[in-house]
Amino acid sequence: MAAPENPSRALPALVPALRIDPELLLRAQGVRVAFFDVDGVLTDGGLYFSESGETLKRFHSLDGQGIRLLQRAGITPAVITGRDCAPLRARLAALGVEHAVFGSENKRPAAEQILGTLGLDWSQAAAMGDDWLDLPLLRRSALACAPANAQVEVRQVAHYVTRACGGAGAARELCDLLLTATGHYAALLADYGA
């Protein structure tokens, strides 16, 4: 029979297990805004329609938690997507994402408007996308990221290709990279280890 846990005994501190290439960390240090595509990044890229024609989306909780952690660390998450639907708007509202542009196939002007609103420039931006519509953002951002299942040309321009596929934790990998580069990862992890 196991001994009962002593509630007065202090737990050892959590030590981050995450290891990231130092060159990526240097590239990401000044990032203050992270642009995310939706289909193929925050979702698996599948298009689901109900019998009534309503669009359905599946989001991964790891990605949502990563976006919340970015906000706690002072990094602004922004979404620019070529589609628009009620489930997407509801998910972004639940995550507290304030900067989102829907139905935009020309993503560069939308991103530049957000950068201007935030008083930032491309050297302070990270972007994650999976297809050609995302290339203008990826090519200008300080850190370009693509999910493992992104289109080949997108993976080619990315500084970092995640291990996870879109909609399966890929966005969380970018969030964790940014949190580590800006020095917030260990402290945020410690908050959850108490």
Protein backbone atom coordinates (compact mmCIF):
# COMPACT_ATOMS: atom_id res chain seq x y z
CA MET A 1 0.00 0.00 0.00
CA ALA A 2 1.39 3.39 -1.03
CA ALA A 3 2.08 5.98 1.65
CA PRO A 4 -0.33 8.92 1.65
CA GLU A 5 0.95 12.05 -0.02
CA ASN A 6 2.26 14.67 2.37
CA PRO A 7 0.48 17.91 1.38
CA SER A 8 3.09 20.05 3.12
CA ARG A 9 5.94 18.59 1.04
CA ALA A 10 7.00 20.92 -1.77
CA LEU A 11 6.86 19.58 -5.28
CA PRO A 12 10.05 19.84 -7.33
CA ALA A 13 10.02 22.60 -9.92
CA LEU A 14 9.04 21.64 -13.45
CA VAL A 15 12.01 21.73 -15.78
CA PRO A 16 11.10 22.35 -19.43
CA ALA A 17 11.68 19.31 -21.61
CA LEU A 18 11.21 21.28 -24.84
CA ARG A 19 14.39 21.75 -26.89
CA ILE A 20 14.49 24.16 -29.85
CA ASP A 21 17.25 24.96 -32.34
CA PRO A 22 19.12 28.05 -31.04
CA GLU A 23 19.05 29.66 -34.51
CA LEU A 24 15.24 29.52 -34.50
CA LEU A 25 15.16 31.03 -31.02
CA LEU A 26 17.34 33.93 -32.16
CA ARG A 27 15.13 34.51 -35.20
CA ALA A 28 12.01 34.56 -33.01
CA GLN A 29 13.26 36.74 -30.14
CA GLY A 30 11.73 40.00 -31.35
CA VAL A 31 8.37 38.59 -32.43
CA ARG A 32 5.39 40.49 -30.99
CA VAL A 33 2.60 39.33 -33.33
CA ALA A 34 1.87 35.88 -34.76
CA PHE A 35 -0.30 35.55 -37.87
CA PHE A 36 -2.21 32.29 -38.28
CA ASP A 37 -4.09 30.93 -41.27
CA VAL A 38 -7.12 28.78 -40.38
CA ASP A 39 -7.79 25.95 -42.86
CA GLY A 40 -4.78 23.67 -42.76
CA VAL A 41 -3.21 25.43 -39.75
CA LEU A 42 -5.78 25.82 -36.97
CA THR A 43 -7.87 23.07 -38.59
CA ASP A 44 -6.93 19.92 -40.48
CA GLY A 45 -7.83 21.61 -43.76
CA GLY A 46 -10.87 19.44 -44.32
CA LEU A 47 -14.06 21.21 -45.31
CA TYR A 48 -17.05 19.83 -43.46
CA PHE A 49 -20.62 20.74 -44.37
CA SER A 50 -23.82 19.75 -42.60
CA GLU A 51 -26.87 18.60 -44.56
CA SER A 52 -28.19 22.16 -44.38
CA GLY A 53 -24.94 23.51 -45.88
CA GLU A 54 -23.58 24.88 -42.61
CA THR A 55 -19.78 24.87 -42.38
CA LEU A 56 -18.35 22.82 -39.52
CA LYS A 57 -14.81 23.20 -38.15
CA ARG A 58 -12.69 21.03 -35.88
CA PHE A 59 -10.10 22.82 -33.75
CA HIS A 60 -7.42 21.30 -31.54
CA SER A 61 -7.32 22.25 -27.86
CA LEU A 62 -3.50 22.34 -27.84
CA ASP A 63 -3.57 25.14 -30.41
CA GLY A 64 -6.16 27.07 -28.41
CA GLN A 65 -4.10 26.83 -25.23
CA GLY A 66 -1.02 27.97 -27.15
CA ILE A 67 -2.86 31.06 -28.39
CA ARG A 68 -3.98 31.86 -24.83
CA LEU A 69 -0.39 31.48 -23.60
CA LEU A 70 0.86 33.84 -26.31
CA GLN A 71 -1.55 36.48 -25.05
CA ARG A 72 -0.34 36.01 -21.48
CA ALA A 73 3.21 36.55 -22.72
CA GLY A 74 2.32 39.78 -24.53
CA ILE A 75 2.45 38.34 -28.05
CA THR A 76 -0.60 39.22 -30.14
CA PRO A 77 -2.21 36.36 -32.07
CA ALA A 78 -3.87 37.44 -35.31
CA VAL A 79 -5.86 35.41 -37.82
CA ILE A 80 -6.15 36.09 -41.53
CA THR A 81 -8.24 33.61 -43.45
CA GLY A 82 -9.82 33.26 -46.85
CA ARG A 83 -13.02 31.86 -45.34
CA ASP A 84 -15.64 33.07 -42.93
CA CYS A 85 -18.10 31.05 -40.87
CA ALA A 86 -19.87 31.21 -37.54
CA PRO A 87 -17.92 28.33 -35.91
CA LEU A 88 -14.62 30.06 -36.67
CA ARG A 89 -15.82 33.38 -35.28
CA ALA A 90 -17.09 31.64 -32.15
CA ARG A 91 -13.77 29.85 -31.60
CA LEU A 92 -11.71 33.02 -32.02
CA ALA A 93 -14.04 34.93 -29.70
CA ALA A 94 -13.69 32.18 -27.08
CA LEU A 95 -9.90 32.48 -27.35
CA GLY A 96 -10.01 36.27 -27.08
CA VAL A 97 -8.41 36.83 -30.50
CA GLU A 98 -9.07 40.51 -31.23
CA HIS A 99 -7.29 40.83 -34.58
CA ALA A 100 -8.93 38.72 -37.28
CA VAL A 101 -9.65 39.29 -40.95
CA PHE A 102 -12.15 36.95 -42.61
CA GLY A 103 -12.74 36.21 -46.29
CA SER A 104 -9.40 37.70 -47.36
CA GLU A 105 -7.55 35.99 -50.18
CA ASN A 106 -5.07 38.89 -50.42
CA LYS A 107 -3.51 38.50 -47.01
CA ARG A 108 -0.62 40.97 -47.22
CA PRO A 109 -2.71 44.18 -46.98
CA ALA A 110 -4.71 42.66 -44.11
CA ALA A 111 -1.50 41.81 -42.24
CA GLU A 112 -0.02 45.24 -42.89
CA GLN A 113 -3.15 46.87 -41.51
CA ILE A 114 -2.86 44.79 -38.33
CA LEU A 115 0.84 45.61 -38.06
CA GLY A 116 0.03 49.31 -38.40
CA THR A 117 -2.69 49.11 -35.75
CA LEU A 118 -0.23 47.44 -33.37
CA GLY A 119 2.63 49.81 -34.24
CA LEU A 120 4.79 46.90 -35.40
CA ASP A 121 6.61 45.90 -38.58
CA TRP A 122 7.45 42.65 -40.36
CA SER A 123 10.64 42.19 -38.31
CA GLN A 124 8.39 41.67 -35.27
CA ALA A 125 6.06 39.18 -36.96
CA ALA A 126 5.79 35.43 -37.20
CA ALA A 127 3.44 33.77 -39.66
CA MET A 128 2.11 30.26 -40.05
CA GLY A 129 0.46 29.07 -43.25
CA ASP A 130 0.02 26.00 -45.38
CA ASP A 131 -0.69 27.11 -48.94
CA TRP A 132 0.22 29.68 -51.58
CA LEU A 133 -2.15 32.34 -50.25
CA ASP A 134 0.08 32.49 -47.17
CA LEU A 135 3.37 33.01 -49.02
CA PRO A 136 3.30 36.86 -48.95
CA LEU A 137 3.17 36.78 -45.14
CA LEU A 138 5.65 33.95 -44.74
CA ARG A 139 8.22 35.60 -47.02
CA ARG A 140 8.09 38.91 -45.11
CA SER A 141 7.89 37.72 -41.51
CA ALA A 142 10.91 37.36 -39.23
CA LEU A 143 9.82 33.78 -38.57
CA ALA A 144 7.93 31.71 -41.15
CA CYS A 145 6.35 28.47 -40.00
CA ALA A 146 4.46 25.71 -41.83
CA PRO A 147 2.66 22.60 -40.59
CA ALA A 148 4.11 19.22 -41.57
CA ASN A 149 1.39 18.72 -44.17
CA ALA A 150 1.73 22.14 -45.83
CA GLN A 151 2.10 22.41 -49.59
CA VAL A 152 5.70 21.81 -50.73
CA GLU A 153 6.44 25.43 -51.81
CA VAL A 154 5.28 26.67 -48.43
CA ARG A 155 7.46 24.18 -46.56
CA GLN A 156 10.36 25.33 -48.74
CA VAL A 157 10.15 28.99 -47.60
CA ALA A 158 9.44 28.17 -43.94
CA HIS A 159 12.17 28.63 -41.37
CA TYR A 160 10.45 25.98 -39.28
CA VAL A 161 8.23 23.06 -40.31
CA THR A 162 6.37 21.56 -37.38
CA ARG A 163 6.26 17.87 -36.54
CA ALA A 164 2.48 18.05 -36.16
CA CYS A 165 0.05 18.51 -39.02
CA GLY A 166 -2.38 21.39 -39.26
CA GLY A 167 -5.26 21.08 -36.83
CA ALA A 168 -3.30 18.55 -34.76
CA GLY A 169 -1.13 20.80 -32.59
CA ALA A 170 1.02 22.47 -35.26
CA ALA A 171 0.06 25.98 -34.13
CA ARG A 172 0.96 25.04 -30.55
CA GLU A 173 4.48 24.17 -31.72
CA LEU A 174 4.87 27.71 -33.08
CA CYS A 175 3.42 29.16 -29.88
CA ASP A 176 5.86 27.14 -27.76
CA LEU A 177 8.77 28.25 -29.93
CA LEU A 178 7.76 31.92 -29.50
CA LEU A 179 7.23 31.54 -25.76
CA THR A 180 10.68 29.99 -25.40
CA ALA A 181 12.38 32.62 -27.57
CA THR A 182 10.84 35.48 -25.60
CA GLY A 183 11.72 33.91 -22.24
CA HIS A 184 8.17 33.15 -21.08
CA TYR A 185 7.91 29.38 -21.53
CA ALA A 186 9.50 28.23 -18.25
CA ALA A 187 7.59 30.72 -16.09
CA LEU A 188 4.26 29.84 -17.71
CA LEU A 189 4.98 26.14 -17.30
CA ALA A 190 5.80 26.71 -13.61
CA ASP A 191 2.36 28.29 -13.14
CA TYR A 192 0.78 24.98 -14.11
CA GLY A 193 3.07 22.85 -11.98
CA ALA A 194 2.01 24.32 -8.63
